[in-house]
Amino acid sequence: MSIVNRRYALLGWIVWQIAKYSAKVKARQAVPGRGDYGGLNKGAIASILLAIGGVLWLRRKVSDDEPVV
């Protein structure tokens, strides 16, 4: 009976590896590539700028608050 369990375990492991590989390939295909000039695309640049702006806004907002006594 242990041979059947080993066989199914091996079969399940192989199926799991194939599923992980195919998911990785699909994820790579779903991510947009770089821009025409080999740099970051417009969406990535906008995200970076918005993140920096949000951090600066939050930092200013926190430093302006008066301490609670």
C-alpha atoms as a PDB file:
ATOM      1  CA  MET A   1       0.000   0.000   0.000  1.00  0.00           C
ATOM      2  CA  SER A   2       2.889   2.372   0.598  1.00  0.00           C
ATOM      3  CA  ILE A   3       3.846   2.225  -3.102  1.00  0.00           C
ATOM      4  CA  VAL A   4       0.465   3.688  -4.051  1.00  0.00           C
ATOM      5  CA  ASN A   5       0.944   6.534  -1.584  1.00  0.00           C
ATOM      6  CA  ARG A   6       4.452   7.259  -2.897  1.00  0.00           C
ATOM      7  CA  ARG A   7       3.232   7.163  -6.457  1.00  0.00           C
ATOM      8  CA  TYR A   8       0.425   9.625  -5.747  1.00  0.00           C
ATOM      9  CA  ALA A   9       2.777  11.819  -3.760  1.00  0.00           C
ATOM     10  CA  LEU A  10       5.223  11.935  -6.678  1.00  0.00           C
ATOM     11  CA  LEU A  11       2.423  12.601  -9.145  1.00  0.00           C
ATOM     12  CA  GLY A  12       1.054  15.394  -6.966  1.00  0.00           C
ATOM     13  CA  TRP A  13       4.510  16.956  -6.613  1.00  0.00           C
ATOM     14  CA  ILE A  14       5.017  16.909 -10.401  1.00  0.00           C
ATOM     15  CA  VAL A  15       1.612  18.487 -11.013  1.00  0.00           C
ATOM     16  CA  TRP A  16       2.366  21.138  -8.371  1.00  0.00           C
ATOM     17  CA  GLN A  17       5.711  22.008 -10.008  1.00  0.00           C
ATOM     18  CA  ILE A  18       4.092  22.331 -13.438  1.00  0.00           C
ATOM     19  CA  ALA A  19       1.330  24.536 -12.009  1.00  0.00           C
ATOM     20  CA  LYS A  20       3.869  26.807 -10.305  1.00  0.00           C
ATOM     21  CA  TYR A  21       5.900  27.105 -13.502  1.00  0.00           C
ATOM     22  CA  SER A  22       2.873  27.922 -15.658  1.00  0.00           C
ATOM     23  CA  ALA A  23       1.669  30.516 -13.126  1.00  0.00           C
ATOM     24  CA  LYS A  24       5.101  32.141 -13.167  1.00  0.00           C
ATOM     25  CA  VAL A  25       5.088  32.277 -16.976  1.00  0.00           C
ATOM     26  CA  LYS A  26       1.605  33.824 -17.023  1.00  0.00           C
ATOM     27  CA  ALA A  27       2.640  36.417 -14.435  1.00  0.00           C
ATOM     28  CA  ARG A  28       5.645  37.423 -16.519  1.00  0.00           C
ATOM     29  CA  GLN A  29       3.477  37.820 -19.591  1.00  0.00           C
ATOM     30  CA  ALA A  30       0.937  39.943 -17.697  1.00  0.00           C
ATOM     31  CA  VAL A  31       3.495  42.517 -16.529  1.00  0.00           C
ATOM     32  CA  PRO A  32       3.923  45.326 -19.054  1.00  0.00           C
ATOM     33  CA  GLY A  33       7.406  45.727 -20.468  1.00  0.00           C
ATOM     34  CA  ARG A  34       9.669  48.701 -20.386  1.00  0.00           C
ATOM     35  CA  GLY A  35       8.980  51.825 -22.436  1.00  0.00           C
ATOM     36  CA  ASP A  36      10.251  52.504 -25.926  1.00  0.00           C
ATOM     37  CA  TYR A  37      13.559  53.840 -24.658  1.00  0.00           C
ATOM     38  CA  GLY A  38      14.436  50.957 -22.353  1.00  0.00           C
ATOM     39  CA  GLY A  39      13.624  52.897 -19.184  1.00  0.00           C
ATOM     40  CA  LEU A  40      10.631  52.785 -16.907  1.00  0.00           C
ATOM     41  CA  ASN A  41       7.212  53.145 -18.481  1.00  0.00           C
ATOM     42  CA  LYS A  42       4.912  56.071 -17.681  1.00  0.00           C
ATOM     43  CA  GLY A  43       2.836  54.118 -15.190  1.00  0.00           C
ATOM     44  CA  ALA A  44       5.896  53.157 -13.148  1.00  0.00           C
ATOM     45  CA  ILE A  45       7.187  56.743 -13.117  1.00  0.00           C
ATOM     46  CA  ALA A  46       3.772  58.056 -12.049  1.00  0.00           C
ATOM     47  CA  SER A  47       3.550  55.471  -9.260  1.00  0.00           C
ATOM     48  CA  ILE A  48       6.994  56.384  -7.941  1.00  0.00           C
ATOM     49  CA  LEU A  49       6.220  60.110  -7.981  1.00  0.00           C
ATOM     50  CA  LEU A  50       2.861  59.612  -6.261  1.00  0.00           C
ATOM     51  CA  ALA A  51       4.449  57.448  -3.572  1.00  0.00           C
ATOM     52  CA  ILE A  52       7.124  60.063  -2.874  1.00  0.00           C
ATOM     53  CA  GLY A  53       4.494  62.821  -2.796  1.00  0.00           C
ATOM     54  CA  GLY A  54       2.343  60.820  -0.388  1.00  0.00           C
ATOM     55  CA  VAL A  55       5.252  60.255   1.980  1.00  0.00           C
ATOM     56  CA  LEU A  56       6.174  63.938   1.940  1.00  0.00           C
ATOM     57  CA  TRP A  57       2.548  65.004   2.510  1.00  0.00           C
ATOM     58  CA  LEU A  58       2.135  62.572   5.398  1.00  0.00           C
ATOM     59  CA  ARG A  59       5.415  63.683   6.973  1.00  0.00           C
ATOM     60  CA  ARG A  60       4.388  67.350   6.770  1.00  0.00           C
ATOM     61  CA  LYS A  61       0.959  66.535   8.161  1.00  0.00           C
ATOM     62  CA  VAL A  62       2.412  64.648  11.143  1.00  0.00           C
ATOM     63  CA  SER A  63       5.000  67.341  11.940  1.00  0.00           C
ATOM     64  CA  ASP A  64       2.327  70.113  11.865  1.00  0.00           C
ATOM     65  CA  ASP A  65       0.143  68.428  14.485  1.00  0.00           C
ATOM     66  CA  GLU A  66       0.444  69.746  18.009  1.00  0.00           C
ATOM     67  CA  PRO A  67       1.310  67.222  20.682  1.00  0.00           C
ATOM     68  CA  VAL A  68      -1.630  65.977  22.725  1.00  0.00           C
ATOM     69  CA  VAL A  69      -1.278  66.780  26.435  1.00  0.00           C
END
